[in-house]
Amino acid sequence: MEKSLGIIIRLTRLTETSLIIHWCTRDEGLIKTVAKGARRPKSPFAGKLDLFFEAELNWARSRKSELHTLREVVVVDYREPLRRKYVDTVVAAYFGELLAHVVELEHPVPELYDLLRRGLAYLADQGGGKRAVLHYEHEMARLLGVAHSRTSAALALEQAFGSLPRGRAACMDAVGG
């Protein structure tokens, strides 16, 4: 059994009753877990798996694939304020999407985990805006070592990784940029 602190950045339906959860974890980086039976009404995961939740998770590592089996989740932060305004949800989703775009699976990135955590906390307290998006991109580029003083962080990230996530356009539209 593996254990770590993680933030849910994506949820995908696998079957009628199961979900695939994409986590950004402090110790393991980006991982994918399957929560078998999570969509059943009496599941032990009921109410514990939603976007941006931060939780202590236990999982069994798969020997055959990158999809591990989620065993237990204890939520430490539900981040309720991120669900009150559409713009905050869109910006938070972009933060997770950008992180997943630039990081390989199962590659520890504690500094990027901390950046995501700080970014989501800021959105929960202050709300989303263009300044928050640009600052997050700047910090991401700086931490990855691709920032340039003569170009924007978004351009530096795009040049380094070939593109930016598709969600950036919707994010910038939502914040008025």
N, C-alpha and C. Protein backbone atom coordinates (compact mmCIF):
# COMPACT_ATOMS: atom_id res chain seq x y z
N MET A 1 0.83 -1.19 0.00
CA MET A 1 0.00 0.00 0.00
C MET A 1 0.88 1.25 0.00
N GLU A 2 0.50 2.18 -0.83
CA GLU A 2 1.17 3.48 -0.91
C GLU A 2 0.29 4.50 -0.21
N LYS A 3 0.91 5.58 0.27
CA LYS A 3 0.17 6.61 0.97
C LYS A 3 0.76 7.97 0.62
N SER A 4 -0.12 8.97 0.42
CA SER A 4 0.35 10.31 0.11
C SER A 4 -0.77 11.31 0.33
N LEU A 5 -0.40 12.57 0.31
CA LEU A 5 -1.36 13.67 0.32
C LEU A 5 -1.53 14.11 -1.12
N GLY A 6 -2.78 14.27 -1.58
CA GLY A 6 -3.00 14.60 -2.97
C GLY A 6 -4.20 15.50 -3.19
N ILE A 7 -4.22 16.12 -4.39
CA ILE A 7 -5.32 16.98 -4.82
C ILE A 7 -5.92 16.38 -6.09
N ILE A 8 -7.22 16.25 -6.13
CA ILE A 8 -7.89 15.71 -7.31
C ILE A 8 -7.93 16.78 -8.38
N ILE A 9 -7.37 16.46 -9.57
CA ILE A 9 -7.37 17.43 -10.66
C ILE A 9 -8.25 17.00 -11.84
N ARG A 10 -8.71 15.75 -11.83
CA ARG A 10 -9.58 15.29 -12.90
C ARG A 10 -10.30 14.02 -12.46
N LEU A 11 -11.56 13.90 -12.88
CA LEU A 11 -12.38 12.71 -12.63
C LEU A 11 -12.93 12.23 -13.96
N THR A 12 -12.87 10.92 -14.19
CA THR A 12 -13.39 10.34 -15.42
C THR A 12 -14.18 9.09 -15.06
N ARG A 13 -15.34 8.95 -15.67
CA ARG A 13 -16.15 7.75 -15.45
C ARG A 13 -15.50 6.58 -16.16
N LEU A 14 -15.29 5.49 -15.45
CA LEU A 14 -14.71 4.29 -16.04
C LEU A 14 -15.81 3.29 -16.42
N THR A 15 -16.67 3.01 -15.47
CA THR A 15 -17.81 2.11 -15.70
C THR A 15 -19.03 2.76 -15.06
N GLU A 16 -20.13 2.02 -15.02
CA GLU A 16 -21.34 2.54 -14.38
C GLU A 16 -21.12 2.87 -12.91
N THR A 17 -20.18 2.17 -12.27
CA THR A 17 -19.99 2.37 -10.83
C THR A 17 -18.60 2.85 -10.44
N SER A 18 -17.66 2.89 -11.36
CA SER A 18 -16.27 3.21 -11.01
C SER A 18 -15.79 4.50 -11.66
N LEU A 19 -14.81 5.13 -11.02
CA LEU A 19 -14.21 6.38 -11.51
C LEU A 19 -12.70 6.24 -11.62
N ILE A 20 -12.13 6.98 -12.56
CA ILE A 20 -10.68 7.18 -12.61
C ILE A 20 -10.42 8.56 -12.03
N ILE A 21 -9.54 8.62 -11.06
CA ILE A 21 -9.21 9.88 -10.40
C ILE A 21 -7.75 10.22 -10.70
N HIS A 22 -7.54 11.42 -11.22
CA HIS A 22 -6.18 11.92 -11.47
C HIS A 22 -5.81 12.79 -10.28
N TRP A 23 -4.69 12.46 -9.66
CA TRP A 23 -4.23 13.16 -8.46
C TRP A 23 -2.90 13.85 -8.74
N CYS A 24 -2.72 14.99 -8.13
CA CYS A 24 -1.39 15.58 -8.01
C CYS A 24 -1.01 15.34 -6.55
N THR A 25 -0.01 14.49 -6.34
CA THR A 25 0.39 14.14 -4.98
C THR A 25 1.72 14.78 -4.64
N ARG A 26 1.92 14.97 -3.38
CA ARG A 26 3.16 15.57 -2.91
C ARG A 26 4.35 14.65 -3.14
N ASP A 27 4.20 13.37 -2.87
CA ASP A 27 5.33 12.44 -2.89
C ASP A 27 5.53 11.70 -4.21
N GLU A 28 4.45 11.46 -4.94
CA GLU A 28 4.52 10.63 -6.15
C GLU A 28 4.32 11.41 -7.45
N GLY A 29 3.96 12.68 -7.36
CA GLY A 29 3.65 13.47 -8.55
C GLY A 29 2.25 13.15 -9.03
N LEU A 30 2.06 13.13 -10.34
CA LEU A 30 0.75 12.83 -10.91
C LEU A 30 0.54 11.33 -10.94
N ILE A 31 -0.59 10.89 -10.39
CA ILE A 31 -0.93 9.48 -10.45
C ILE A 31 -2.40 9.35 -10.84
N LYS A 32 -2.74 8.17 -11.35
CA LYS A 32 -4.12 7.85 -11.68
C LYS A 32 -4.54 6.65 -10.84
N THR A 33 -5.72 6.77 -10.24
CA THR A 33 -6.26 5.65 -9.47
C THR A 33 -7.67 5.34 -9.95
N VAL A 34 -8.06 4.10 -9.76
CA VAL A 34 -9.44 3.72 -10.03
C VAL A 34 -10.12 3.51 -8.68
N ALA A 35 -11.29 4.11 -8.54
CA ALA A 35 -12.09 3.94 -7.33
C ALA A 35 -13.26 3.03 -7.71
N LYS A 36 -13.08 1.76 -7.43
CA LYS A 36 -14.10 0.77 -7.79
C LYS A 36 -15.34 0.96 -6.92
N GLY A 37 -16.48 1.04 -7.59
CA GLY A 37 -17.75 1.19 -6.87
C GLY A 37 -18.00 2.58 -6.32
N ALA A 38 -17.19 3.57 -6.69
CA ALA A 38 -17.31 4.91 -6.11
C ALA A 38 -18.64 5.59 -6.42
N ARG A 39 -19.31 5.18 -7.49
CA ARG A 39 -20.57 5.82 -7.88
C ARG A 39 -21.79 5.14 -7.28
N ARG A 40 -21.55 4.11 -6.48
CA ARG A 40 -22.66 3.45 -5.79
C ARG A 40 -23.09 4.31 -4.58
N PRO A 41 -24.38 4.30 -4.27
CA PRO A 41 -24.87 5.14 -3.16
C PRO A 41 -24.22 4.85 -1.80
N LYS A 42 -23.90 3.61 -1.54
CA LYS A 42 -23.35 3.25 -0.23
C LYS A 42 -21.84 3.01 -0.28
N SER A 43 -21.18 3.60 -1.26
CA SER A 43 -19.73 3.43 -1.42
C SER A 43 -18.99 4.11 -0.27
N PRO A 44 -17.87 3.51 0.16
CA PRO A 44 -17.05 4.18 1.18
C PRO A 44 -16.41 5.47 0.64
N PHE A 45 -16.47 5.67 -0.68
CA PHE A 45 -15.92 6.89 -1.29
C PHE A 45 -16.97 7.99 -1.44
N ALA A 46 -18.22 7.71 -1.09
CA ALA A 46 -19.30 8.67 -1.27
C ALA A 46 -18.98 9.99 -0.57
N GLY A 47 -19.05 11.08 -1.32
CA GLY A 47 -18.80 12.42 -0.78
C GLY A 47 -17.33 12.76 -0.58
N LYS A 48 -16.43 11.87 -0.99
CA LYS A 48 -15.00 12.09 -0.76
C LYS A 48 -14.20 12.35 -2.03
N LEU A 49 -14.85 12.23 -3.19
CA LEU A 49 -14.13 12.37 -4.46
C LEU A 49 -14.79 13.43 -5.33
N ASP A 50 -14.17 14.59 -5.38
CA ASP A 50 -14.64 15.65 -6.26
C ASP A 50 -13.45 16.54 -6.60
N LEU A 51 -13.61 17.30 -7.67
CA LEU A 51 -12.51 18.15 -8.12
C LEU A 51 -12.00 19.07 -7.01
N PHE A 52 -10.70 19.18 -6.96
CA PHE A 52 -9.97 20.08 -6.06
C PHE A 52 -9.96 19.65 -4.60
N PHE A 53 -10.62 18.53 -4.25
CA PHE A 53 -10.53 18.02 -2.89
C PHE A 53 -9.07 17.67 -2.62
N GLU A 54 -8.60 17.99 -1.43
CA GLU A 54 -7.27 17.56 -1.00
C GLU A 54 -7.48 16.48 0.05
N ALA A 55 -6.77 15.38 -0.11
CA ALA A 55 -7.02 14.24 0.76
C ALA A 55 -5.76 13.42 1.00
N GLU A 56 -5.79 12.67 2.08
CA GLU A 56 -4.80 11.63 2.31
C GLU A 56 -5.35 10.40 1.62
N LEU A 57 -4.55 9.81 0.74
CA LEU A 57 -5.05 8.66 0.00
C LEU A 57 -4.12 7.47 0.18
N ASN A 58 -4.73 6.30 0.18
CA ASN A 58 -4.00 5.03 0.19
C ASN A 58 -4.39 4.30 -1.08
N TRP A 59 -3.39 3.73 -1.75
CA TRP A 59 -3.67 3.01 -2.98
C TRP A 59 -2.73 1.83 -3.11
N ALA A 60 -3.17 0.86 -3.90
CA ALA A 60 -2.35 -0.31 -4.22
C ALA A 60 -1.77 -0.08 -5.61
N ARG A 61 -0.47 -0.12 -5.70
CA ARG A 61 0.22 0.13 -6.97
C ARG A 61 0.02 -1.04 -7.92
N SER A 62 -0.30 -0.73 -9.16
CA SER A 62 -0.46 -1.74 -10.19
C SER A 62 0.91 -2.13 -10.74
N ARG A 63 1.10 -3.39 -10.99
CA ARG A 63 2.36 -3.85 -11.59
C ARG A 63 2.30 -3.83 -13.11
N LYS A 64 1.07 -3.73 -13.66
CA LYS A 64 0.89 -3.86 -15.10
C LYS A 64 0.57 -2.56 -15.82
N SER A 65 0.08 -1.56 -15.10
CA SER A 65 -0.33 -0.34 -15.78
C SER A 65 -0.10 0.87 -14.89
N GLU A 66 -0.45 2.04 -15.42
CA GLU A 66 -0.32 3.28 -14.66
C GLU A 66 -1.58 3.59 -13.87
N LEU A 67 -2.57 2.71 -13.92
CA LEU A 67 -3.83 2.88 -13.21
C LEU A 67 -3.82 2.03 -11.95
N HIS A 68 -3.68 2.70 -10.80
CA HIS A 68 -3.58 2.03 -9.51
C HIS A 68 -4.96 1.94 -8.86
N THR A 69 -5.10 1.12 -7.83
CA THR A 69 -6.38 0.92 -7.16
C THR A 69 -6.45 1.74 -5.89
N LEU A 70 -7.42 2.65 -5.84
CA LEU A 70 -7.63 3.48 -4.66
C LEU A 70 -8.26 2.64 -3.56
N ARG A 71 -7.69 2.69 -2.37
CA ARG A 71 -8.20 1.91 -1.25
C ARG A 71 -8.94 2.74 -0.22
N GLU A 72 -8.38 3.92 0.10
CA GLU A 72 -8.97 4.73 1.16
C GLU A 72 -8.68 6.21 0.91
N VAL A 73 -9.63 7.06 1.29
CA VAL A 73 -9.49 8.50 1.13
C VAL A 73 -9.99 9.19 2.40
N VAL A 74 -9.18 10.12 2.92
CA VAL A 74 -9.60 10.95 4.04
C VAL A 74 -9.43 12.40 3.59
N VAL A 75 -10.54 13.09 3.37
CA VAL A 75 -10.50 14.46 2.86
C VAL A 75 -10.02 15.40 3.96
N VAL A 76 -9.04 16.25 3.61
CA VAL A 76 -8.53 17.24 4.56
C VAL A 76 -8.97 18.65 4.19
N ASP A 77 -9.37 18.87 2.92
CA ASP A 77 -9.87 20.18 2.50
C ASP A 77 -10.83 19.99 1.32
N TYR A 78 -12.08 20.41 1.51
CA TYR A 78 -13.09 20.26 0.47
C TYR A 78 -13.08 21.42 -0.53
N ARG A 79 -12.47 22.51 -0.17
CA ARG A 79 -12.39 23.71 -1.02
C ARG A 79 -13.76 24.13 -1.56
N GLU A 80 -14.71 24.24 -0.67
CA GLU A 80 -16.08 24.63 -1.03
C GLU A 80 -16.16 25.97 -1.76
N PRO A 81 -15.38 26.98 -1.40
CA PRO A 81 -15.51 28.27 -2.09
C PRO A 81 -15.26 28.20 -3.59
N LEU A 82 -14.53 27.21 -4.06
CA LEU A 82 -14.24 27.11 -5.49
C LEU A 82 -15.48 26.73 -6.30
N ARG A 83 -16.54 26.30 -5.65
CA ARG A 83 -17.76 25.90 -6.35
C ARG A 83 -18.82 26.99 -6.35
N ARG A 84 -18.53 28.11 -5.74
CA ARG A 84 -19.53 29.18 -5.64
C ARG A 84 -19.59 30.07 -6.86
N LYS A 85 -18.46 30.26 -7.53
CA LYS A 85 -18.42 31.12 -8.71
C LYS A 85 -17.85 30.34 -9.89
N TYR A 86 -18.51 30.48 -11.01
CA TYR A 86 -18.07 29.79 -12.22
C TYR A 86 -16.62 30.12 -12.57
N VAL A 87 -16.26 31.38 -12.50
CA VAL A 87 -14.91 31.80 -12.89
C VAL A 87 -13.86 31.11 -12.00
N ASP A 88 -14.12 30.97 -10.73
CA ASP A 88 -13.18 30.31 -9.82
C ASP A 88 -12.99 28.85 -10.20
N THR A 89 -14.08 28.18 -10.56
CA THR A 89 -14.01 26.78 -10.97
C THR A 89 -13.22 26.63 -12.26
N VAL A 90 -13.45 27.53 -13.21
CA VAL A 90 -12.74 27.46 -14.50
C VAL A 90 -11.25 27.70 -14.30
N VAL A 91 -10.89 28.68 -13.49
CA VAL A 91 -9.48 28.98 -13.24
C VAL A 91 -8.82 27.81 -12.50
N ALA A 92 -9.48 27.26 -11.51
CA ALA A 92 -8.93 26.12 -10.77
C ALA A 92 -8.73 24.92 -11.70
N ALA A 93 -9.68 24.69 -12.60
CA ALA A 93 -9.55 23.59 -13.55
C ALA A 93 -8.35 23.82 -14.47
N TYR A 94 -8.14 25.06 -14.90
CA TYR A 94 -6.98 25.37 -15.74
C TYR A 94 -5.67 25.13 -14.98
N PHE A 95 -5.63 25.49 -13.71
CA PHE A 95 -4.42 25.25 -12.91
C PHE A 95 -4.07 23.76 -12.93
N GLY A 96 -5.05 22.91 -12.71
CA GLY A 96 -4.81 21.47 -12.73
C GLY A 96 -4.46 20.96 -14.12
N GLU A 97 -5.12 21.50 -15.13
CA GLU A 97 -4.86 21.08 -16.51
C GLU A 97 -3.44 21.47 -16.95
N LEU A 98 -3.01 22.67 -16.57
CA LEU A 98 -1.65 23.10 -16.92
C LEU A 98 -0.62 22.21 -16.24
N LEU A 99 -0.84 21.92 -14.98
CA LEU A 99 0.08 21.05 -14.26
C LEU A 99 0.18 19.68 -14.93
N ALA A 100 -0.96 19.10 -15.28
CA ALA A 100 -0.95 17.79 -15.93
C ALA A 100 -0.30 17.85 -17.31
N HIS A 101 -0.35 19.00 -17.95
CA HIS A 101 0.22 19.17 -19.29
C HIS A 101 1.75 19.18 -19.27
N VAL A 102 2.33 19.67 -18.18
CA VAL A 102 3.79 19.86 -18.16
C VAL A 102 4.54 18.83 -17.32
N VAL A 103 3.83 17.96 -16.62
CA VAL A 103 4.47 16.99 -15.73
C VAL A 103 4.19 15.57 -16.20
N GLU A 104 5.20 14.73 -16.15
CA GLU A 104 5.03 13.32 -16.50
C GLU A 104 4.40 12.57 -15.33
N LEU A 105 3.68 11.50 -15.66
CA LEU A 105 3.08 10.66 -14.63
C LEU A 105 4.15 10.08 -13.71
N GLU A 106 3.81 10.03 -12.43
CA GLU A 106 4.63 9.40 -11.39
C GLU A 106 6.05 9.96 -11.32
N HIS A 107 6.15 11.25 -11.53
CA HIS A 107 7.42 11.95 -11.38
C HIS A 107 7.23 12.95 -10.24
N PRO A 108 7.87 12.75 -9.09
CA PRO A 108 7.65 13.63 -7.94
C PRO A 108 7.96 15.10 -8.26
N VAL A 109 7.02 15.96 -7.92
CA VAL A 109 7.16 17.40 -8.15
C VAL A 109 6.60 18.16 -6.94
N PRO A 110 7.23 18.04 -5.78
CA PRO A 110 6.67 18.67 -4.58
C PRO A 110 6.50 20.18 -4.71
N GLU A 111 7.40 20.84 -5.44
CA GLU A 111 7.28 22.29 -5.60
C GLU A 111 6.06 22.66 -6.44
N LEU A 112 5.70 21.84 -7.42
CA LEU A 112 4.51 22.11 -8.23
C LEU A 112 3.23 21.73 -7.48
N TYR A 113 3.32 20.72 -6.64
CA TYR A 113 2.19 20.38 -5.77
C TYR A 113 1.90 21.57 -4.85
N ASP A 114 2.97 22.14 -4.27
CA ASP A 114 2.80 23.30 -3.39
C ASP A 114 2.25 24.50 -4.16
N LEU A 115 2.69 24.70 -5.39
CA LEU A 115 2.17 25.79 -6.22
C LEU A 115 0.67 25.59 -6.47
N LEU A 116 0.26 24.39 -6.82
CA LEU A 116 -1.16 24.11 -7.04
C LEU A 116 -1.95 24.35 -5.77
N ARG A 117 -1.44 23.90 -4.68
CA ARG A 117 -2.12 24.06 -3.39
C ARG A 117 -2.28 25.54 -3.04
N ARG A 118 -1.21 26.31 -3.22
CA ARG A 118 -1.27 27.76 -2.97
C ARG A 118 -2.23 28.45 -3.93
N GLY A 119 -2.20 28.04 -5.20
CA GLY A 119 -3.08 28.64 -6.19
C GLY A 119 -4.55 28.40 -5.86
N LEU A 120 -4.89 27.17 -5.48
CA LEU A 120 -6.27 26.85 -5.13
C LEU A 120 -6.70 27.58 -3.86
N ALA A 121 -5.80 27.70 -2.90
CA ALA A 121 -6.11 28.45 -1.67
C ALA A 121 -6.37 29.92 -1.99
N TYR A 122 -5.57 30.48 -2.89
CA TYR A 122 -5.77 31.88 -3.27
C TYR A 122 -7.13 32.05 -3.94
N LEU A 123 -7.47 31.16 -4.85
CA LEU A 123 -8.77 31.24 -5.52
C LEU A 123 -9.92 31.12 -4.53
N ALA A 124 -9.78 30.24 -3.55
CA ALA A 124 -10.82 30.06 -2.55
C ALA A 124 -11.00 31.32 -1.70
N ASP A 125 -9.90 32.01 -1.43
CA ASP A 125 -9.95 33.22 -0.59
C ASP A 125 -10.26 34.48 -1.38
N GLN A 126 -9.57 34.68 -2.50
CA GLN A 126 -9.65 35.94 -3.24
C GLN A 126 -10.47 35.87 -4.53
N GLY A 127 -10.70 34.69 -5.03
CA GLY A 127 -11.41 34.53 -6.29
C GLY A 127 -10.47 34.59 -7.48
N GLY A 128 -10.97 34.09 -8.60
CA GLY A 128 -10.17 34.01 -9.82
C GLY A 128 -10.18 35.32 -10.58
N GLY A 129 -9.09 35.58 -11.24
CA GLY A 129 -8.95 36.76 -12.08
C GLY A 129 -7.76 36.58 -13.00
N LYS A 130 -7.62 37.50 -13.92
CA LYS A 130 -6.52 37.44 -14.88
C LYS A 130 -5.17 37.45 -14.16
N ARG A 131 -5.06 38.28 -13.14
CA ARG A 131 -3.81 38.37 -12.38
C ARG A 131 -3.42 37.03 -11.77
N ALA A 132 -4.40 36.31 -11.24
CA ALA A 132 -4.13 35.00 -10.63
C ALA A 132 -3.63 34.02 -11.67
N VAL A 133 -4.24 34.02 -12.85
CA VAL A 133 -3.84 33.11 -13.93
C VAL A 133 -2.41 33.43 -14.37
N LEU A 134 -2.12 34.69 -14.61
CA LEU A 134 -0.79 35.08 -15.07
C LEU A 134 0.27 34.79 -14.02
N HIS A 135 -0.06 35.01 -12.75
CA HIS A 135 0.90 34.71 -11.68
C HIS A 135 1.18 33.21 -11.60
N TYR A 136 0.13 32.39 -11.70
CA TYR A 136 0.30 30.94 -11.66
C TYR A 136 1.20 30.48 -12.81
N GLU A 137 0.93 30.99 -14.00
CA GLU A 137 1.76 30.63 -15.16
C GLU A 137 3.20 31.08 -14.96
N HIS A 138 3.38 32.27 -14.42
CA HIS A 138 4.73 32.78 -14.17
C HIS A 138 5.48 31.87 -13.19
N GLU A 139 4.82 31.52 -12.11
CA GLU A 139 5.46 30.66 -11.11
C GLU A 139 5.73 29.27 -11.67
N MET A 140 4.83 28.76 -12.48
CA MET A 140 5.03 27.46 -13.12
C MET A 140 6.27 27.51 -14.02
N ALA A 141 6.37 28.54 -14.85
CA ALA A 141 7.52 28.68 -15.75
C ALA A 141 8.81 28.83 -14.96
N ARG A 142 8.76 29.61 -13.89
CA ARG A 142 9.96 29.82 -13.06
C ARG A 142 10.41 28.51 -12.41
N LEU A 143 9.48 27.78 -11.82
CA LEU A 143 9.82 26.52 -11.15
C LEU A 143 10.32 25.46 -12.12
N LEU A 144 9.83 25.50 -13.35
CA LEU A 144 10.27 24.54 -14.36
C LEU A 144 11.56 24.97 -15.06
N GLY A 145 12.00 26.19 -14.79
CA GLY A 145 13.24 26.68 -15.39
C GLY A 145 13.12 27.11 -16.83
N VAL A 146 11.91 27.47 -17.27
CA VAL A 146 11.72 27.88 -18.65
C VAL A 146 11.34 29.36 -18.78
N ALA A 147 11.28 30.07 -17.67
CA ALA A 147 10.89 31.49 -17.70
C ALA A 147 11.96 32.32 -18.39
N HIS A 148 11.51 33.32 -19.14
CA HIS A 148 12.40 34.26 -19.82
C HIS A 148 11.94 35.67 -19.47
N SER A 149 12.88 36.57 -19.28
CA SER A 149 12.52 37.94 -18.92
C SER A 149 11.90 38.69 -20.09
N ARG A 150 12.14 38.25 -21.31
CA ARG A 150 11.65 38.99 -22.49
C ARG A 150 10.33 38.46 -23.04
N THR A 151 9.85 37.33 -22.55
CA THR A 151 8.59 36.78 -23.04
C THR A 151 7.64 36.51 -21.88
N SER A 152 6.38 36.41 -22.20
CA SER A 152 5.40 36.08 -21.17
C SER A 152 5.60 34.64 -20.71
N ALA A 153 5.13 34.36 -19.52
CA ALA A 153 5.24 33.00 -18.99
C ALA A 153 4.45 32.02 -19.87
N ALA A 154 3.29 32.45 -20.36
CA ALA A 154 2.48 31.58 -21.22
C ALA A 154 3.25 31.21 -22.48
N LEU A 155 3.91 32.18 -23.09
CA LEU A 155 4.69 31.91 -24.30
C LEU A 155 5.89 31.01 -23.98
N ALA A 156 6.54 31.25 -22.85
CA ALA A 156 7.68 30.41 -22.46
C ALA A 156 7.23 28.96 -22.25
N LEU A 157 6.09 28.78 -21.60
CA LEU A 157 5.57 27.42 -21.38
C LEU A 157 5.17 26.78 -22.70
N GLU A 158 4.55 27.55 -23.57
CA GLU A 158 4.15 27.03 -24.87
C GLU A 158 5.36 26.61 -25.69
N GLN A 159 6.41 27.40 -25.67
CA GLN A 159 7.63 27.06 -26.42
C GLN A 159 8.30 25.82 -25.84
N ALA A 160 8.31 25.72 -24.52
CA ALA A 160 8.99 24.60 -23.87
C ALA A 160 8.23 23.28 -24.01
N PHE A 161 6.90 23.33 -24.03
CA PHE A 161 6.10 22.11 -24.00
C PHE A 161 5.26 21.90 -25.27
N GLY A 162 5.47 22.74 -26.26
CA GLY A 162 4.81 22.56 -27.55
C GLY A 162 3.44 23.19 -27.68
N SER A 163 2.77 23.40 -26.57
CA SER A 163 1.44 24.01 -26.58
C SER A 163 1.04 24.32 -25.15
N LEU A 164 -0.09 24.99 -25.03
CA LEU A 164 -0.72 25.19 -23.74
C LEU A 164 -2.01 24.38 -23.75
N PRO A 165 -2.54 24.03 -22.58
CA PRO A 165 -3.79 23.26 -22.55
C PRO A 165 -4.93 24.00 -23.24
N ARG A 166 -5.86 23.25 -23.80
CA ARG A 166 -7.01 23.84 -24.47
C ARG A 166 -7.86 24.69 -23.53
N GLY A 167 -7.85 24.34 -22.26
CA GLY A 167 -8.65 25.07 -21.29
C GLY A 167 -8.20 26.49 -21.03
N ARG A 168 -7.02 26.87 -21.52
CA ARG A 168 -6.54 28.23 -21.28
C ARG A 168 -7.45 29.26 -21.93
N ALA A 169 -7.90 29.01 -23.13
CA ALA A 169 -8.77 29.97 -23.83
C ALA A 169 -10.05 30.21 -23.02
N ALA A 170 -10.69 29.16 -22.56
CA ALA A 170 -11.92 29.31 -21.75
C ALA A 170 -11.61 30.03 -20.44
N CYS A 171 -10.45 29.73 -19.87
CA CYS A 171 -10.04 30.38 -18.63
C CYS A 171 -9.86 31.87 -18.84
N MET A 172 -9.15 32.25 -19.89
CA MET A 172 -8.91 33.67 -20.16
C MET A 172 -10.23 34.38 -20.51
N ASP A 173 -11.12 33.71 -21.21
CA ASP A 173 -12.44 34.30 -21.49
C ASP A 173 -13.22 34.54 -20.19
N ALA A 174 -13.15 33.57 -19.27
CA ALA A 174 -13.88 33.67 -18.01
C ALA A 174 -13.37 34.81 -17.14
N VAL A 175 -12.06 35.08 -17.20
CA VAL A 175 -11.49 36.14 -16.35
C VAL A 175 -11.45 37.49 -17.08
N GLY A 176 -11.90 37.51 -18.32
CA GLY A 176 -11.94 38.77 -19.06
C GLY A 176 -10.62 39.16 -19.68
N GLY A 177 -9.81 38.17 -20.04
CA GLY A 177 -8.50 38.48 -20.62
C GLY A 177 -8.42 37.96 -21.96
